[in-house]
Structures are given as structure tokens and as C-alpha cells.
Amino acid sequence: MKIKAKIEISGASASLVAIPLMPDNMANMKTVIKERGAITYFEADKIGSLIASVDDYLMNAKVAQDVAEMVVSRKS
């Protein structure tokens, strides 16, 4: 049985968060960039593996968001 999850990031600077994370996507992950957002899909055989992947992604997304906010605020 496959367990699936989806994380959606939306907003004007969503791609600034999602695109830098894409090179770290493992085989069980896929990121789709939309006009004002991004969706990352996860799939795993075990719930523990899925939780670990999502947790790692969210921690990295937080760092990317902090950097994106810093860049955007400096432009203003």
C-alpha cells in the first residue's frame, strides 16, 4: 500500500521557496510549480518514511521562506 501526502505553498513568492528545494527531491517526491504557488507530492510505503520526508521538506521550506522574505524586504 502506498501512502500519499501533498503540501501546497501559495503566495506571490511561493516559487522562491519551492524551486530551491526541488534539487533535493527524492524519487518519491514531485514538485509542480503553478502561477501563484507550488505543490509537492510525496509517496511512501511506510507512514514513518512519509513523516520523515515531509518533516525534512518543511524544515527546509522554512529556511527557504526566511531567505525569500529577507530578499524581498531588501528590494523594498
PDB file of N, CA and C in Angstrom:
ATOM      1  N   MET A   1       0.841  -1.174   0.000  1.00  0.00           N
ATOM      2  CA  MET A   1       0.000   0.000   0.000  1.00  0.00           C
ATOM      3  C   MET A   1       0.889   1.242   0.000  1.00  0.00           C
ATOM      4  N   LYS A   2       0.535   2.205  -0.830  1.00  0.00           N
ATOM      5  CA  LYS A   2       1.250   3.468  -0.895  1.00  0.00           C
ATOM      6  C   LYS A   2       0.509   4.506  -0.065  1.00  0.00           C
ATOM      7  N   ILE A   3       1.269   5.282   0.690  1.00  0.00           N
ATOM      8  CA  ILE A   3       0.714   6.373   1.483  1.00  0.00           C
ATOM      9  C   ILE A   3       1.137   7.657   0.792  1.00  0.00           C
ATOM     10  N   LYS A   4       0.195   8.571   0.596  1.00  0.00           N
ATOM     11  CA  LYS A   4       0.472   9.790  -0.156  1.00  0.00           C
ATOM     12  C   LYS A   4       0.172  11.024   0.674  1.00  0.00           C
ATOM     13  N   ALA A   5       0.912  12.090   0.369  1.00  0.00           N
ATOM     14  CA  ALA A   5       0.689  13.382   1.015  1.00  0.00           C
ATOM     15  C   ALA A   5       0.959  14.479  -0.011  1.00  0.00           C
ATOM     16  N   LYS A   6       0.427  15.653   0.285  1.00  0.00           N
ATOM     17  CA  LYS A   6       0.597  16.790  -0.607  1.00  0.00           C
ATOM     18  C   LYS A   6       0.783  18.035   0.249  1.00  0.00           C
ATOM     19  N   ILE A   7       1.777  18.848  -0.097  1.00  0.00           N
ATOM     20  CA  ILE A   7       1.982  20.139   0.558  1.00  0.00           C
ATOM     21  C   ILE A   7       1.852  21.208  -0.501  1.00  0.00           C
ATOM     22  N   GLU A   8       0.998  22.181  -0.234  1.00  0.00           N
ATOM     23  CA  GLU A   8       0.783  23.274  -1.168  1.00  0.00           C
ATOM     24  C   GLU A   8       1.289  24.565  -0.546  1.00  0.00           C
ATOM     25  N   ILE A   9       2.136  25.260  -1.285  1.00  0.00           N
ATOM     26  CA  ILE A   9       2.649  26.560  -0.864  1.00  0.00           C
ATOM     27  C   ILE A   9       2.058  27.583  -1.823  1.00  0.00           C
ATOM     28  N   SER A  10       1.434  28.614  -1.279  1.00  0.00           N
ATOM     29  CA  SER A  10       0.822  29.610  -2.156  1.00  0.00           C
ATOM     30  C   SER A  10       1.298  31.009  -1.789  1.00  0.00           C
ATOM     31  N   GLY A  11       1.127  31.912  -2.718  1.00  0.00           N
ATOM     32  CA  GLY A  11       1.516  33.299  -2.492  1.00  0.00           C
ATOM     33  C   GLY A  11       2.449  33.786  -3.583  1.00  0.00           C
ATOM     34  N   ALA A  12       2.681  35.082  -3.572  1.00  0.00           N
ATOM     35  CA  ALA A  12       3.476  35.718  -4.610  1.00  0.00           C
ATOM     36  C   ALA A  12       4.904  35.190  -4.675  1.00  0.00           C
ATOM     37  N   SER A  13       5.491  34.833  -3.536  1.00  0.00           N
ATOM     38  CA  SER A  13       6.879  34.364  -3.539  1.00  0.00           C
ATOM     39  C   SER A  13       6.993  32.861  -3.292  1.00  0.00           C
ATOM     40  N   ALA A  14       5.937  32.124  -3.576  1.00  0.00           N
ATOM     41  CA  ALA A  14       5.946  30.674  -3.349  1.00  0.00           C
ATOM     42  C   ALA A  14       7.034  29.980  -4.165  1.00  0.00           C
ATOM     43  N   SER A  15       7.246  30.431  -5.387  1.00  0.00           N
ATOM     44  CA  SER A  15       8.274  29.786  -6.212  1.00  0.00           C
ATOM     45  C   SER A  15       9.674  30.034  -5.652  1.00  0.00           C
ATOM     46  N   LEU A  16       9.865  31.169  -4.945  1.00  0.00           N
ATOM     47  CA  LEU A  16      11.160  31.435  -4.315  1.00  0.00           C
ATOM     48  C   LEU A  16      11.453  30.446  -3.192  1.00  0.00           C
ATOM     49  N   VAL A  17      10.408  29.855  -2.649  1.00  0.00           N
ATOM     50  CA  VAL A  17      10.567  28.843  -1.608  1.00  0.00           C
ATOM     51  C   VAL A  17      10.688  27.455  -2.238  1.00  0.00           C
ATOM     52  N   ALA A  18       9.825  27.128  -3.184  1.00  0.00           N
ATOM     53  CA  ALA A  18       9.745  25.767  -3.711  1.00  0.00           C
ATOM     54  C   ALA A  18      10.861  25.415  -4.689  1.00  0.00           C
ATOM     55  N   ILE A  19      11.222  26.322  -5.577  1.00  0.00           N
ATOM     56  CA  ILE A  19      12.210  25.990  -6.611  1.00  0.00           C
ATOM     57  C   ILE A  19      13.572  25.618  -6.028  1.00  0.00           C
ATOM     58  N   PRO A  20      14.097  26.352  -5.041  1.00  0.00           N
ATOM     59  CA  PRO A  20      15.396  25.937  -4.482  1.00  0.00           C
ATOM     60  C   PRO A  20      15.371  24.568  -3.795  1.00  0.00           C
ATOM     61  N   LEU A  21      14.202  24.101  -3.399  1.00  0.00           N
ATOM     62  CA  LEU A  21      14.094  22.796  -2.740  1.00  0.00           C
ATOM     63  C   LEU A  21      14.034  21.635  -3.732  1.00  0.00           C
ATOM     64  N   MET A  22      13.692  21.916  -4.973  1.00  0.00           N
ATOM     65  CA  MET A  22      13.471  20.862  -5.961  1.00  0.00           C
ATOM     66  C   MET A  22      14.686  19.962  -6.218  1.00  0.00           C
ATOM     67  N   PRO A  23      15.925  20.471  -6.233  1.00  0.00           N
ATOM     68  CA  PRO A  23      17.059  19.563  -6.458  1.00  0.00           C
ATOM     69  C   PRO A  23      17.205  18.496  -5.367  1.00  0.00           C
ATOM     70  N   ASP A  24      16.633  18.742  -4.192  1.00  0.00           N
ATOM     71  CA  ASP A  24      16.704  17.773  -3.096  1.00  0.00           C
ATOM     72  C   ASP A  24      15.567  16.755  -3.131  1.00  0.00           C
ATOM     73  N   ASN A  25      14.630  16.906  -4.079  1.00  0.00           N
ATOM     74  CA  ASN A  25      13.528  15.950  -4.171  1.00  0.00           C
ATOM     75  C   ASN A  25      14.073  14.545  -4.393  1.00  0.00           C
ATOM     76  N   MET A  26      13.553  13.612  -3.612  1.00  0.00           N
ATOM     77  CA  MET A  26      13.931  12.215  -3.768  1.00  0.00           C
ATOM     78  C   MET A  26      12.991  11.579  -4.789  1.00  0.00           C
ATOM     79  N   ALA A  27      13.210  10.330  -5.098  1.00  0.00           N
ATOM     80  CA  ALA A  27      12.406   9.639  -6.112  1.00  0.00           C
ATOM     81  C   ALA A  27      10.929   9.579  -5.744  1.00  0.00           C
ATOM     82  N   ASN A  28      10.618   9.672  -4.460  1.00  0.00           N
ATOM     83  CA  ASN A  28       9.226   9.584  -4.015  1.00  0.00           C
ATOM     84  C   ASN A  28       8.553  10.954  -3.908  1.00  0.00           C
ATOM     85  N   MET A  29       9.177  11.975  -4.487  1.00  0.00           N
ATOM     86  CA  MET A  29       8.649  13.339  -4.397  1.00  0.00           C
ATOM     87  C   MET A  29       8.568  13.959  -5.789  1.00  0.00           C
ATOM     88  N   LYS A  30       7.569  14.828  -5.960  1.00  0.00           N
ATOM     89  CA  LYS A  30       7.430  15.562  -7.218  1.00  0.00           C
ATOM     90  C   LYS A  30       6.878  16.946  -6.887  1.00  0.00           C
ATOM     91  N   THR A  31       7.508  17.989  -7.425  1.00  0.00           N
ATOM     92  CA  THR A  31       7.039  19.352  -7.198  1.00  0.00           C
ATOM     93  C   THR A  31       6.539  19.927  -8.514  1.00  0.00           C
ATOM     94  N   VAL A  32       5.363  20.547  -8.453  1.00  0.00           N
ATOM     95  CA  VAL A  32       4.758  21.208  -9.610  1.00  0.00           C
ATOM     96  C   VAL A  32       4.632  22.687  -9.267  1.00  0.00           C
ATOM     97  N   ILE A  33       5.213  23.530 -10.112  1.00  0.00           N
ATOM     98  CA  ILE A  33       5.145  24.977  -9.920  1.00  0.00           C
ATOM     99  C   ILE A  33       3.933  25.513 -10.667  1.00  0.00           C
ATOM    100  N   LYS A  34       3.130  26.283  -9.965  1.00  0.00           N
ATOM    101  CA  LYS A  34       1.938  26.904 -10.547  1.00  0.00           C
ATOM    102  C   LYS A  34       2.181  28.408 -10.637  1.00  0.00           C
ATOM    103  N   GLU A  35       1.218  29.141 -11.175  1.00  0.00           N
ATOM    104  CA  GLU A  35       1.361  30.589 -11.342  1.00  0.00           C
ATOM    105  C   GLU A  35       1.600  31.308 -10.017  1.00  0.00           C
ATOM    106  N   ARG A  36       0.818  30.999  -9.005  1.00  0.00           N
ATOM    107  CA  ARG A  36       0.975  31.646  -7.698  1.00  0.00           C
ATOM    108  C   ARG A  36       1.121  30.627  -6.580  1.00  0.00           C
ATOM    109  N   GLY A  37       1.902  29.584  -6.863  1.00  0.00           N
ATOM    110  CA  GLY A  37       2.108  28.586  -5.840  1.00  0.00           C
ATOM    111  C   GLY A  37       2.881  27.383  -6.336  1.00  0.00           C
ATOM    112  N   ALA A  38       3.006  26.423  -5.469  1.00  0.00           N
ATOM    113  CA  ALA A  38       3.696  25.173  -5.792  1.00  0.00           C
ATOM    114  C   ALA A  38       3.080  24.054  -4.965  1.00  0.00           C
ATOM    115  N   ILE A  39       3.054  22.874  -5.548  1.00  0.00           N
ATOM    116  CA  ILE A  39       2.538  21.702  -4.857  1.00  0.00           C
ATOM    117  C   ILE A  39       3.618  20.628  -4.897  1.00  0.00           C
ATOM    118  N   THR A  40       3.927  20.062  -3.748  1.00  0.00           N
ATOM    119  CA  THR A  40       4.867  18.949  -3.682  1.00  0.00           C
ATOM    120  C   THR A  40       4.104  17.713  -3.229  1.00  0.00           C
ATOM    121  N   TYR A  41       4.232  16.648  -4.002  1.00  0.00           N
ATOM    122  CA  TYR A  41       3.571  15.377  -3.733  1.00  0.00           C
ATOM    123  C   TYR A  41       4.596  14.394  -3.163  1.00  0.00           C
ATOM    124  N   PHE A  42       4.176  13.650  -2.171  1.00  0.00           N
ATOM    125  CA  PHE A  42       5.026  12.660  -1.513  1.00  0.00           C
ATOM    126  C   PHE A  42       4.340  11.302  -1.593  1.00  0.00           C
ATOM    127  N   GLU A  43       5.134  10.237  -1.648  1.00  0.00           N
ATOM    128  CA  GLU A  43       4.599   8.880  -1.652  1.00  0.00           C
ATOM    129  C   GLU A  43       5.589   7.976  -0.926  1.00  0.00           C
ATOM    130  N   ALA A  44       5.077   7.077  -0.101  1.00  0.00           N
ATOM    131  CA  ALA A  44       5.942   6.146   0.639  1.00  0.00           C
ATOM    132  C   ALA A  44       5.173   4.871   0.952  1.00  0.00           C
ATOM    133  N   ASP A  45       5.932   3.835   1.257  1.00  0.00           N
ATOM    134  CA  ASP A  45       5.327   2.559   1.643  1.00  0.00           C
ATOM    135  C   ASP A  45       4.973   2.526   3.129  1.00  0.00           C
ATOM    136  N   LYS A  46       5.724   3.289   3.924  1.00  0.00           N
ATOM    137  CA  LYS A  46       5.522   3.295   5.371  1.00  0.00           C
ATOM    138  C   LYS A  46       5.226   4.699   5.856  1.00  0.00           C
ATOM    139  N   ILE A  47       4.349   4.809   6.835  1.00  0.00           N
ATOM    140  CA  ILE A  47       3.970   6.117   7.376  1.00  0.00           C
ATOM    141  C   ILE A  47       5.183   6.833   7.983  1.00  0.00           C
ATOM    142  N   GLY A  48       6.073   6.093   8.625  1.00  0.00           N
ATOM    143  CA  GLY A  48       7.264   6.708   9.213  1.00  0.00           C
ATOM    144  C   GLY A  48       8.155   7.354   8.164  1.00  0.00           C
ATOM    145  N   SER A  49       8.294   6.708   7.019  1.00  0.00           N
ATOM    146  CA  SER A  49       9.092   7.266   5.923  1.00  0.00           C
ATOM    147  C   SER A  49       8.447   8.529   5.368  1.00  0.00           C
ATOM    148  N   LEU A  50       7.129   8.500   5.251  1.00  0.00           N
ATOM    149  CA  LEU A  50       6.405   9.675   4.755  1.00  0.00           C
ATOM    150  C   LEU A  50       6.550  10.839   5.730  1.00  0.00           C
ATOM    151  N   ILE A  51       6.392  10.571   6.995  1.00  0.00           N
ATOM    152  CA  ILE A  51       6.520  11.620   8.013  1.00  0.00           C
ATOM    153  C   ILE A  51       7.934  12.207   7.984  1.00  0.00           C
ATOM    154  N   ALA A  52       8.942  11.372   7.859  1.00  0.00           N
ATOM    155  CA  ALA A  52      10.330  11.856   7.819  1.00  0.00           C
ATOM    156  C   ALA A  52      10.568  12.740   6.595  1.00  0.00           C
ATOM    157  N   SER A  53      10.045  12.336   5.449  1.00  0.00           N
ATOM    158  CA  SER A  53      10.207  13.132   4.221  1.00  0.00           C
ATOM    159  C   SER A  53       9.500  14.477   4.332  1.00  0.00           C
ATOM    160  N   VAL A  54       8.274  14.465   4.831  1.00  0.00           N
ATOM    161  CA  VAL A  54       7.505  15.704   4.973  1.00  0.00           C
ATOM    162  C   VAL A  54       8.162  16.621   6.007  1.00  0.00           C
ATOM    163  N   ASP A  55       8.625  16.059   7.112  1.00  0.00           N
ATOM    164  CA  ASP A  55       9.286  16.854   8.143  1.00  0.00           C
ATOM    165  C   ASP A  55      10.546  17.525   7.596  1.00  0.00           C
ATOM    166  N   ASP A  56      11.356  16.776   6.878  1.00  0.00           N
ATOM    167  CA  ASP A  56      12.575  17.321   6.285  1.00  0.00           C
ATOM    168  C   ASP A  56      12.239  18.434   5.295  1.00  0.00           C
ATOM    169  N   TYR A  57      11.233  18.191   4.462  1.00  0.00           N
ATOM    170  CA  TYR A  57      10.810  19.195   3.475  1.00  0.00           C
ATOM    171  C   TYR A  57      10.342  20.473   4.163  1.00  0.00           C
ATOM    172  N   LEU A  58       9.534  20.343   5.207  1.00  0.00           N
ATOM    173  CA  LEU A  58       9.006  21.519   5.900  1.00  0.00           C
ATOM    174  C   LEU A  58      10.108  22.318   6.590  1.00  0.00           C
ATOM    175  N   MET A  59      11.086  21.642   7.155  1.00  0.00           N
ATOM    176  CA  MET A  59      12.208  22.350   7.782  1.00  0.00           C
ATOM    177  C   MET A  59      12.997  23.135   6.733  1.00  0.00           C
ATOM    178  N   ASN A  60      13.251  22.509   5.585  1.00  0.00           N
ATOM    179  CA  ASN A  60      13.962  23.191   4.510  1.00  0.00           C
ATOM    180  C   ASN A  60      13.125  24.323   3.918  1.00  0.00           C
ATOM    181  N   ALA A  61      11.812  24.126   3.828  1.00  0.00           N
ATOM    182  CA  ALA A  61      10.929  25.167   3.317  1.00  0.00           C
ATOM    183  C   ALA A  61      10.923  26.383   4.241  1.00  0.00           C
ATOM    184  N   LYS A  62      10.993  26.165   5.525  1.00  0.00           N
ATOM    185  CA  LYS A  62      11.044  27.269   6.492  1.00  0.00           C
ATOM    186  C   LYS A  62      12.293  28.115   6.275  1.00  0.00           C
ATOM    187  N   VAL A  63      13.428  27.465   6.080  1.00  0.00           N
ATOM    188  CA  VAL A  63      14.676  28.193   5.824  1.00  0.00           C
ATOM    189  C   VAL A  63      14.573  28.955   4.502  1.00  0.00           C
ATOM    190  N   ALA A  64      14.050  28.304   3.462  1.00  0.00           N
ATOM    191  CA  ALA A  64      13.889  28.965   2.163  1.00  0.00           C
ATOM    192  C   ALA A  64      12.936  30.156   2.266  1.00  0.00           C
ATOM    193  N   GLN A  65      11.870  30.022   3.050  1.00  0.00           N
ATOM    194  CA  GLN A  65      10.930  31.120   3.240  1.00  0.00           C
ATOM    195  C   GLN A  65      11.607  32.289   3.944  1.00  0.00           C
ATOM    196  N   ASP A  66      12.392  32.011   4.959  1.00  0.00           N
ATOM    197  CA  ASP A  66      13.108  33.073   5.678  1.00  0.00           C
ATOM    198  C   ASP A  66      14.040  33.834   4.735  1.00  0.00           C
ATOM    199  N   VAL A  67      14.759  33.105   3.893  1.00  0.00           N
ATOM    200  CA  VAL A  67      15.670  33.738   2.936  1.00  0.00           C
ATOM    201  C   VAL A  67      14.879  34.551   1.911  1.00  0.00           C
ATOM    202  N   ALA A  68      13.787  33.993   1.384  1.00  0.00           N
ATOM    203  CA  ALA A  68      12.961  34.711   0.400  1.00  0.00           C
ATOM    204  C   ALA A  68      12.402  35.994   0.991  1.00  0.00           C
ATOM    205  N   GLU A  69      11.927  35.938   2.226  1.00  0.00           N
ATOM    206  CA  GLU A  69      11.393  37.140   2.875  1.00  0.00           C
ATOM    207  C   GLU A  69      12.487  38.191   3.063  1.00  0.00           C
ATOM    208  N   MET A  70      13.691  37.755   3.382  1.00  0.00           N
ATOM    209  CA  MET A  70      14.795  38.680   3.547  1.00  0.00           C
ATOM    210  C   MET A  70      15.128  39.371   2.209  1.00  0.00           C
ATOM    211  N   VAL A  71      15.152  38.597   1.131  1.00  0.00           N
ATOM    212  CA  VAL A  71      15.450  39.152  -0.182  1.00  0.00           C
ATOM    213  C   VAL A  71      14.365  40.130  -0.620  1.00  0.00           C
ATOM    214  N   VAL A  72      13.112  39.740  -0.446  1.00  0.00           N
ATOM    215  CA  VAL A  72      12.005  40.603  -0.859  1.00  0.00           C
ATOM    216  C   VAL A  72      11.979  41.888  -0.040  1.00  0.00           C
ATOM    217  N   SER A  73      12.259  41.816   1.262  1.00  0.00           N
ATOM    218  CA  SER A  73      12.233  43.017   2.096  1.00  0.00           C
ATOM    219  C   SER A  73      13.385  43.967   1.759  1.00  0.00           C
ATOM    220  N   ARG A  74      14.499  43.441   1.310  1.00  0.00           N
ATOM    221  CA  ARG A  74      15.636  44.294   0.930  1.00  0.00           C
ATOM    222  C   ARG A  74      15.377  45.028  -0.380  1.00  0.00           C
ATOM    223  N   LYS A  75      14.531  44.438  -1.241  1.00  0.00           N
ATOM    224  CA  LYS A  75      14.184  45.089  -2.505  1.00  0.00           C
ATOM    225  C   LYS A  75      13.291  46.301  -2.281  1.00  0.00           C
ATOM    226  N   SER A  76      12.540  46.278  -1.185  1.00  0.00           N
ATOM    227  CA  SER A  76      11.564  47.344  -0.919  1.00  0.00           C
ATOM    228  C   SER A  76      12.214  48.611  -0.419  1.00  0.00           C
TER     229      SER A  76
END
